[in-house]
Amino acid sequence: MIPRITSQSLFKASRNSASRVAPSSATCSANLLRFRSTITNTDPSINSSQLTELEEQDIRFRKQRELELKLTKIKHYGELFPVHTHPGSTHYKKPVHEHLHKGRPIKALTVPLKKTSGRNNSGQIRVRGRGGGHKRRVRLVDFHRYEPGKNKVVRIEYDPNRSGHLALLQHMETGNLSYIIAPQGLRGGDIVESFRDGIPQDFMEEMKRNNNGEVDDALLSARVLQRGNCLPLKMLPVGSIIHNVGLNPNRGSQLIRSAGTFGKILAKDAAKNKAIVKMSSGEHRYIQLNCHATLGVVSNKEHQLISWGKAGRSRYRGRRPMVRGVAMNACDHPHGGGRGKSKSNKVTQSMWGLKKFAKTRLVPNKLVIRNRKGRMIRHKK
């Protein structure tokens, strides 16, 4: 028997459902705080203080990426052909750099790249997924910058072995040519210097002639603090944006060398002879004041906007496909064997049994103050 529906029964049902669905404002705020990891900044009613630090960084990164997409000239190769005629170029796009040199590099400053396909001297694979790729020549980059004096930027070049661009320098006195990692905004005709030996002699002579031998801090800063200049950390003010940072006074630069990366000097400790530098990853660490760095941001920040379009372009770069563990045999991987796509009841782990999210650095680096997640490192005394 079908029950009879009246207007009174409909009113009662709607009132009961409204009392069940509409929660109180306190419950809404509690749920908002509880699930704040899913909040986005699109709703203006949401307070930014309710977001975590990582979420704020992600929102900031997305805004910067959208702005770069609008300001950067990108070439879409799929638009050059009729639709569905060149599948490998449909999604292929790269930013256009009109200031780059169109010719070949200086051959005297290059050596052939010997490919090992990820194998050691006995032929055993030590790095998976390597092999093939286009023939390349390694550019000999000057990571030391020992030679003092002014260098003129001849041109900016593309380097197939790294994400950033290179700058070809010519010494204005000796005429020697050298490559350095180009900072953002450096162009042909600019002048860069290396101050690893301290204040140059010609500047001191100028101060003797015009300022009675006293060093004018304003004139010194105007000459030293220029994009692309290399100098020790002790000569850089706090808050400077740097890259190409060395870890040893007698070695070349080792940190902050990929496209678009930069570091920042947060503080200096004269007693320890060290400076606190914040890396692009968010890590804070000590670096000796005698170590050198280059002013500016590494060039080619638009490298992240590249879409390769097809798997074959990874093969051109020497990257081979990686096989999933569940597709292997049981003797080749902990996830292998069995039937179907199941890895049984095993914890997610690598080919060598290393569990996912397991800590591998049991003793933290003594020079690291704060890790990439922003947590302070407590070192044992």
Protein backbone atom coordinates (compact mmCIF):
# COMPACT_ATOMS: atom_id res chain seq x y z
CA MET A 1 0.00 0.00 0.00
CA ILE A 2 1.44 3.38 -1.04
CA PRO A 3 1.43 5.96 1.82
CA ARG A 4 -0.46 9.18 1.20
CA ILE A 5 1.72 12.30 0.95
CA THR A 6 0.21 15.45 2.40
CA SER A 7 1.45 19.03 2.77
CA GLN A 8 1.86 18.55 6.54
CA SER A 9 4.09 15.49 6.11
CA LEU A 10 6.22 17.35 3.57
CA PHE A 11 6.67 20.27 6.00
CA LYS A 12 7.77 17.92 8.81
CA ALA A 13 10.23 16.11 6.53
CA SER A 14 11.78 19.36 5.32
CA ARG A 15 12.09 20.66 8.88
CA ASN A 16 13.79 17.43 10.05
CA SER A 17 16.23 17.43 7.12
CA ALA A 18 17.12 21.10 7.70
CA SER A 19 17.87 20.37 11.36
CA ARG A 20 20.12 17.50 10.30
CA VAL A 21 22.00 19.27 7.48
CA ALA A 22 22.55 22.79 8.80
CA PRO A 23 25.31 22.60 11.45
CA SER A 24 26.14 25.35 13.88
CA SER A 25 28.75 28.03 13.17
CA ALA A 26 31.05 26.53 15.82
CA THR A 27 30.92 23.15 14.08
CA CYS A 28 31.73 24.80 10.72
CA SER A 29 34.75 26.59 12.15
CA ALA A 30 35.95 23.42 13.86
CA ASN A 31 35.70 21.43 10.64
CA LEU A 32 37.44 24.27 8.80
CA LEU A 33 40.39 24.12 11.14
CA ARG A 34 40.44 20.36 11.16
CA PHE A 35 40.59 20.02 7.38
CA ARG A 36 42.58 23.17 6.69
CA SER A 37 45.03 21.23 4.50
CA THR A 38 42.32 21.18 1.79
CA ILE A 39 41.67 24.92 1.94
CA THR A 40 42.59 27.06 -1.03
CA ASN A 41 42.96 30.80 -1.24
CA THR A 42 40.17 31.19 -3.79
CA ASP A 43 37.53 31.97 -1.15
CA PRO A 44 37.98 35.53 0.21
CA SER A 45 36.07 34.66 3.38
CA ILE A 46 38.84 32.26 4.49
CA ASN A 47 41.47 33.89 6.67
CA SER A 48 45.05 33.37 5.51
CA SER A 49 46.12 32.66 9.11
CA GLN A 50 44.23 29.35 8.92
CA LEU A 51 46.59 28.06 6.21
CA THR A 52 49.74 26.16 7.01
CA GLU A 53 53.15 27.45 5.94
CA LEU A 54 53.49 24.85 3.18
CA GLU A 55 50.07 25.77 1.79
CA GLU A 56 50.99 29.45 1.72
CA GLN A 57 54.23 28.59 -0.11
CA ASP A 58 52.29 26.50 -2.62
CA ILE A 59 49.80 29.31 -3.26
CA ARG A 60 52.66 31.79 -3.69
CA PHE A 61 54.43 29.44 -6.10
CA ARG A 62 51.28 28.95 -8.17
CA LYS A 63 50.74 32.70 -8.43
CA GLN A 64 54.33 33.21 -9.55
CA ARG A 65 53.98 30.44 -12.11
CA GLU A 66 50.76 31.94 -13.52
CA LEU A 67 52.43 35.35 -13.73
CA GLU A 68 55.44 33.86 -15.52
CA LEU A 69 53.15 32.10 -17.99
CA LYS A 70 51.58 35.46 -18.84
CA LEU A 71 54.86 37.36 -19.14
CA THR A 72 56.98 34.68 -20.84
CA LYS A 73 56.86 34.17 -24.58
CA ILE A 74 56.25 30.45 -25.16
CA LYS A 75 56.41 28.68 -28.49
CA HIS A 76 53.70 26.03 -28.97
CA TYR A 77 54.95 23.61 -31.61
CA GLY A 78 51.52 22.03 -31.97
CA GLU A 79 50.14 25.25 -33.46
CA LEU A 80 52.61 25.11 -36.36
CA PHE A 81 50.91 22.07 -37.96
CA PRO A 82 47.33 21.01 -38.75
CA VAL A 83 45.49 19.26 -35.93
CA HIS A 84 46.37 15.59 -35.32
CA THR A 85 49.06 15.52 -38.02
CA HIS A 86 52.17 15.66 -35.78
CA PRO A 87 51.35 13.91 -32.46
CA GLY A 88 54.86 14.39 -31.09
CA SER A 89 54.54 18.17 -31.35
CA THR A 90 50.96 18.57 -30.13
CA HIS A 91 51.89 19.22 -26.49
CA TYR A 92 55.49 20.31 -27.06
CA LYS A 93 56.15 23.86 -25.85
CA LYS A 94 59.23 25.77 -24.76
CA PRO A 95 59.93 29.36 -23.69
CA VAL A 96 61.62 31.56 -26.29
CA HIS A 97 64.97 33.16 -25.35
CA GLU A 98 65.81 35.64 -28.08
CA HIS A 99 68.99 36.83 -26.34
CA LEU A 100 70.74 33.43 -26.58
CA HIS A 101 73.64 32.87 -28.99
CA LYS A 102 72.54 30.93 -32.07
CA GLY A 103 75.94 29.45 -32.96
CA ARG A 104 78.26 26.85 -31.49
CA PRO A 105 80.29 27.21 -28.27
CA ILE A 106 84.02 27.92 -28.03
CA LYS A 107 85.53 24.51 -28.85
CA ALA A 108 88.64 25.12 -26.77
CA LEU A 109 86.40 25.46 -23.69
CA THR A 110 84.61 22.14 -24.26
CA VAL A 111 85.46 18.45 -23.95
CA PRO A 112 83.51 15.39 -25.20
CA LEU A 113 81.00 13.90 -22.79
CA LYS A 114 81.85 10.28 -22.12
CA LYS A 115 78.70 8.26 -21.50
CA THR A 116 78.71 5.40 -19.02
CA SER A 117 74.98 4.48 -19.16
CA GLY A 118 74.96 4.38 -15.37
CA ARG A 119 77.58 1.61 -15.14
CA ASN A 120 80.79 1.43 -13.14
CA ASN A 121 84.22 0.24 -14.27
CA SER A 122 83.17 -3.42 -14.01
CA GLY A 123 80.04 -2.97 -16.13
CA GLN A 124 77.52 -3.20 -13.30
CA ILE A 125 74.53 -0.83 -13.36
CA ARG A 126 74.78 1.63 -10.50
CA VAL A 127 72.27 4.23 -11.74
CA ARG A 128 69.08 2.90 -13.31
CA GLY A 129 67.33 4.49 -16.26
CA ARG A 130 70.39 5.95 -18.00
CA GLY A 131 71.57 5.34 -21.54
CA GLY A 132 71.45 6.61 -25.10
CA GLY A 133 70.88 10.29 -25.75
CA HIS A 134 72.28 12.84 -28.14
CA LYS A 135 76.02 13.47 -28.43
CA ARG A 136 77.10 16.40 -26.27
CA ARG A 137 80.19 18.35 -25.26
CA VAL A 138 80.80 19.47 -21.70
CA ARG A 139 81.35 23.20 -21.24
CA LEU A 140 84.28 23.91 -18.91
CA VAL A 141 82.69 26.32 -16.43
CA ASP A 142 84.91 28.46 -14.19
CA PHE A 143 83.55 27.74 -10.69
CA HIS A 144 86.62 29.24 -8.94
CA ARG A 145 86.80 32.78 -10.38
CA TYR A 146 90.39 33.26 -9.13
CA GLU A 147 91.52 35.73 -11.81
CA PRO A 148 90.90 39.34 -10.66
CA GLY A 149 90.04 42.20 -12.97
CA LYS A 150 87.12 43.22 -15.13
CA ASN A 151 85.52 40.77 -17.56
CA LYS A 152 83.22 41.73 -20.41
CA VAL A 153 80.23 39.52 -21.17
CA VAL A 154 80.53 38.50 -24.81
CA ARG A 155 77.26 36.56 -25.08
CA ILE A 156 74.79 34.29 -23.28
CA GLU A 157 74.74 30.65 -24.43
CA TYR A 158 72.58 27.60 -24.04
CA ASP A 159 74.10 24.63 -22.23
CA PRO A 160 72.61 21.17 -22.91
CA ASN A 161 74.18 19.75 -19.75
CA ARG A 162 72.45 22.01 -17.22
CA SER A 163 69.17 23.85 -16.73
CA GLY A 164 70.69 27.34 -16.43
CA HIS A 165 72.36 29.38 -19.16
CA LEU A 166 76.07 30.21 -19.49
CA ALA A 167 77.81 33.54 -19.99
CA LEU A 168 80.98 33.77 -22.07
CA LEU A 169 83.45 36.21 -20.45
CA GLN A 170 86.51 37.88 -21.93
CA HIS A 171 89.10 39.43 -19.61
CA MET A 172 89.60 43.06 -20.56
CA GLU A 173 93.37 42.97 -19.86
CA THR A 174 94.56 39.46 -20.74
CA GLY A 175 91.84 38.56 -23.26
CA ASN A 176 91.26 35.13 -21.70
CA LEU A 177 87.88 33.49 -22.38
CA SER A 178 85.90 31.62 -19.73
CA TYR A 179 82.39 30.36 -19.01
CA ILE A 180 80.34 31.14 -15.88
CA ILE A 181 76.76 30.35 -14.93
CA ALA A 182 74.80 33.39 -16.10
CA PRO A 183 72.73 35.26 -13.49
CA GLN A 184 69.22 36.39 -14.33
CA GLY A 185 69.28 39.60 -16.39
CA LEU A 186 72.94 39.44 -17.47
CA ARG A 187 73.40 40.40 -21.12
CA GLY A 188 76.21 40.86 -23.62
CA GLY A 189 78.28 43.99 -22.99
CA ASP A 190 77.91 43.93 -19.20
CA ILE A 191 80.98 44.05 -16.94
CA VAL A 192 81.54 41.54 -14.10
CA GLU A 193 84.45 41.16 -11.68
CA SER A 194 85.88 38.75 -9.17
CA PHE A 195 86.81 40.08 -5.72
CA ARG A 196 88.08 36.84 -4.18
CA ASP A 197 91.44 38.55 -3.46
CA GLY A 198 89.77 41.50 -1.75
CA ILE A 199 89.43 45.12 -2.86
CA PRO A 200 91.14 45.66 -6.25
CA GLN A 201 94.31 47.72 -6.46
CA ASP A 202 92.98 50.25 -8.96
CA PHE A 203 90.14 51.17 -6.60
CA MET A 204 92.58 51.77 -3.74
CA GLU A 205 94.72 54.00 -5.96
CA GLU A 206 91.65 55.98 -6.93
CA MET A 207 90.80 56.46 -3.25
CA LYS A 208 94.34 57.73 -2.61
CA ARG A 209 94.05 60.29 -5.39
CA ASN A 210 90.54 61.54 -4.65
CA ASN A 211 89.74 60.70 -1.02
CA ASN A 212 93.07 60.95 0.86
CA GLY A 213 93.37 57.17 1.07
CA GLU A 214 90.06 56.62 2.90
CA VAL A 215 87.77 53.99 1.40
CA ASP A 216 84.35 55.37 0.52
CA ASP A 217 81.81 52.68 1.45
CA ALA A 218 79.21 54.03 -0.99
CA LEU A 219 81.59 53.93 -3.96
CA LEU A 220 82.87 50.49 -2.92
CA SER A 221 79.33 49.10 -2.67
CA ALA A 222 78.41 50.60 -6.04
CA ARG A 223 81.29 48.75 -7.68
CA VAL A 224 81.19 45.49 -5.73
CA LEU A 225 77.46 44.81 -5.36
CA GLN A 226 76.69 44.18 -9.01
CA ARG A 227 74.94 41.22 -10.65
CA GLY A 228 77.44 38.50 -11.60
CA ASN A 229 80.29 39.66 -9.33
CA CYS A 230 82.05 36.96 -7.31
CA LEU A 231 83.25 37.80 -3.80
CA PRO A 232 83.65 36.17 -0.37
CA LEU A 233 80.72 36.09 2.03
CA LYS A 234 82.50 38.41 4.45
CA MET A 235 82.23 41.23 1.89
CA LEU A 236 78.51 40.70 1.28
CA PRO A 237 75.89 42.47 3.44
CA VAL A 238 73.17 40.58 5.26
CA GLY A 239 70.14 40.03 3.04
CA SER A 240 72.12 39.61 -0.20
CA ILE A 241 70.68 37.28 -2.89
CA ILE A 242 73.41 34.88 -4.01
CA HIS A 243 74.08 31.70 -5.99
CA ASN A 244 77.12 29.55 -6.91
CA VAL A 245 78.10 29.19 -3.27
CA GLY A 246 81.26 27.33 -2.27
CA LEU A 247 81.60 25.08 0.77
CA ASN A 248 85.39 25.30 1.01
CA PRO A 249 87.59 28.39 0.50
CA ASN A 250 89.96 26.38 -1.73
CA ARG A 251 87.34 24.70 -3.92
CA GLY A 252 84.88 25.82 -6.54
CA SER A 253 81.22 26.60 -5.99
CA GLN A 254 79.00 23.62 -5.22
CA LEU A 255 75.59 24.88 -4.08
CA ILE A 256 72.69 26.74 -5.78
CA ARG A 257 73.58 26.20 -9.44
CA SER A 258 70.32 25.07 -11.12
CA ALA A 259 67.95 27.32 -13.07
CA GLY A 260 66.01 29.91 -11.07
CA THR A 261 67.55 29.06 -7.70
CA PHE A 262 69.05 31.50 -5.22
CA GLY A 263 70.12 31.77 -1.60
CA LYS A 264 69.89 34.53 0.98
CA ILE A 265 72.35 35.57 3.69
CA LEU A 266 70.36 35.69 6.93
CA ALA A 267 73.07 36.51 9.49
CA LYS A 268 76.80 36.51 10.19
CA ASP A 269 78.64 35.17 13.23
CA ALA A 270 82.11 36.72 13.45
CA ALA A 271 83.03 34.58 16.47
CA LYS A 272 82.44 31.34 14.52
CA ASN A 273 83.65 32.88 11.22
CA LYS A 274 80.46 31.61 9.58
CA ALA A 275 77.36 32.97 7.87
CA ILE A 276 73.84 31.57 7.97
CA VAL A 277 72.54 31.07 4.41
CA LYS A 278 69.01 30.07 3.46
CA MET A 279 68.89 27.71 0.47
CA SER A 280 66.19 27.52 -2.18
CA SER A 281 64.92 24.34 -0.54
CA GLY A 282 64.28 26.25 2.70
CA GLU A 283 67.26 24.75 4.53
CA HIS A 284 69.34 27.00 6.80
CA ARG A 285 73.01 26.14 7.15
CA TYR A 286 76.38 27.53 8.22
CA ILE A 287 78.96 28.46 5.55
CA GLN A 288 82.42 29.86 6.23
CA LEU A 289 82.86 33.58 5.64
CA ASN A 290 85.95 32.89 3.51
CA CYS A 291 83.89 30.93 0.98
CA HIS A 292 82.83 32.74 -2.17
CA ALA A 293 79.47 33.33 -3.83
CA THR A 294 78.06 35.16 -6.85
CA LEU A 295 75.44 37.89 -6.62
CA GLY A 296 72.08 37.36 -8.28
CA VAL A 297 69.66 34.60 -9.24
CA VAL A 298 70.55 31.76 -11.63
CA SER A 299 69.17 32.42 -15.12
CA ASN A 300 66.49 30.55 -17.08
CA LYS A 301 63.81 30.44 -14.42
CA GLU A 302 61.39 29.63 -17.24
CA HIS A 303 62.90 26.14 -17.41
CA GLN A 304 59.98 24.85 -15.33
CA LEU A 305 57.51 25.85 -18.07
CA ILE A 306 58.89 23.34 -20.60
CA SER A 307 56.54 20.57 -21.74
CA TRP A 308 58.50 17.92 -23.64
CA GLY A 309 55.43 16.54 -25.38
CA LYS A 310 56.49 12.92 -25.84
CA ALA A 311 58.56 10.18 -24.23
CA GLY A 312 61.07 10.24 -27.09
CA ARG A 313 62.48 13.57 -25.94
CA SER A 314 63.46 11.96 -22.67
CA ARG A 315 65.40 9.41 -24.71
CA TYR A 316 67.17 12.28 -26.51
CA ARG A 317 68.30 13.48 -23.09
CA GLY A 318 69.63 10.06 -22.08
CA ARG A 319 66.70 8.99 -19.89
CA ARG A 320 65.43 5.45 -20.39
CA PRO A 321 62.04 4.15 -19.14
CA MET A 322 61.78 2.95 -15.54
CA VAL A 323 59.99 -0.37 -14.94
CA ARG A 324 57.53 -0.63 -12.05
CA GLY A 325 58.39 -2.98 -9.21
CA VAL A 326 55.03 -4.82 -9.36
CA ALA A 327 55.78 -5.68 -13.01
CA MET A 328 59.01 -7.52 -12.09
CA ASN A 329 59.66 -11.00 -10.85
CA ALA A 330 59.93 -11.76 -7.15
CA CYS A 331 63.69 -12.22 -7.48
CA ASP A 332 64.14 -8.72 -8.93
CA HIS A 333 62.04 -6.55 -6.61
CA PRO A 334 60.23 -6.87 -3.24
CA HIS A 335 56.97 -5.90 -4.99
CA GLY A 336 57.42 -8.47 -7.77
CA GLY A 337 55.79 -11.84 -8.30
CA GLY A 338 52.24 -12.95 -7.68
CA ARG A 339 49.24 -12.40 -9.90
CA GLY A 340 47.81 -9.12 -11.12
CA LYS A 341 49.04 -5.73 -9.93
CA SER A 342 49.20 -6.52 -6.22
CA LYS A 343 52.38 -6.13 -4.18
CA SER A 344 50.87 -8.41 -1.48
CA ASN A 345 50.95 -7.17 2.09
CA LYS A 346 54.39 -5.57 1.88
CA VAL A 347 55.30 -2.04 2.85
CA THR A 348 56.16 0.22 -0.08
CA GLN A 349 59.91 -0.04 -0.52
CA SER A 350 62.69 0.33 -3.03
CA MET A 351 64.42 -2.38 -5.05
CA TRP A 352 67.01 -2.74 -2.26
CA GLY A 353 64.48 -2.99 0.58
CA LEU A 354 64.59 0.64 1.76
CA LYS A 355 61.17 1.45 3.22
CA LYS A 356 59.33 4.51 1.95
CA PHE A 357 59.67 7.60 4.18
CA ALA A 358 62.40 5.85 6.18
CA LYS A 359 65.15 8.12 7.50
CA THR A 360 68.51 7.44 5.93
CA ARG A 361 70.52 10.21 7.60
CA LEU A 362 70.60 9.09 11.21
CA VAL A 363 73.28 11.65 12.13
CA PRO A 364 72.34 15.13 10.83
CA ASN A 365 74.89 17.45 9.29
CA LYS A 366 76.40 19.67 11.97
CA LEU A 367 76.36 22.69 9.65
CA VAL A 368 72.60 22.47 9.05
CA ILE A 369 70.53 24.60 11.44
CA ARG A 370 67.04 24.14 10.02
CA ASN A 371 65.91 21.44 7.59
CA ARG A 372 63.84 21.85 4.44
CA LYS A 373 60.58 21.49 6.34
CA GLY A 374 61.47 24.40 8.62
CA ARG A 375 62.24 22.34 11.73
CA MET A 376 65.19 23.16 13.95
CA ILE A 377 67.93 20.51 14.09
CA ARG A 378 68.95 19.49 17.60
CA HIS A 379 72.56 18.40 17.48
CA LYS A 380 73.97 16.17 20.18
CA LYS A 381 76.93 17.65 22.04
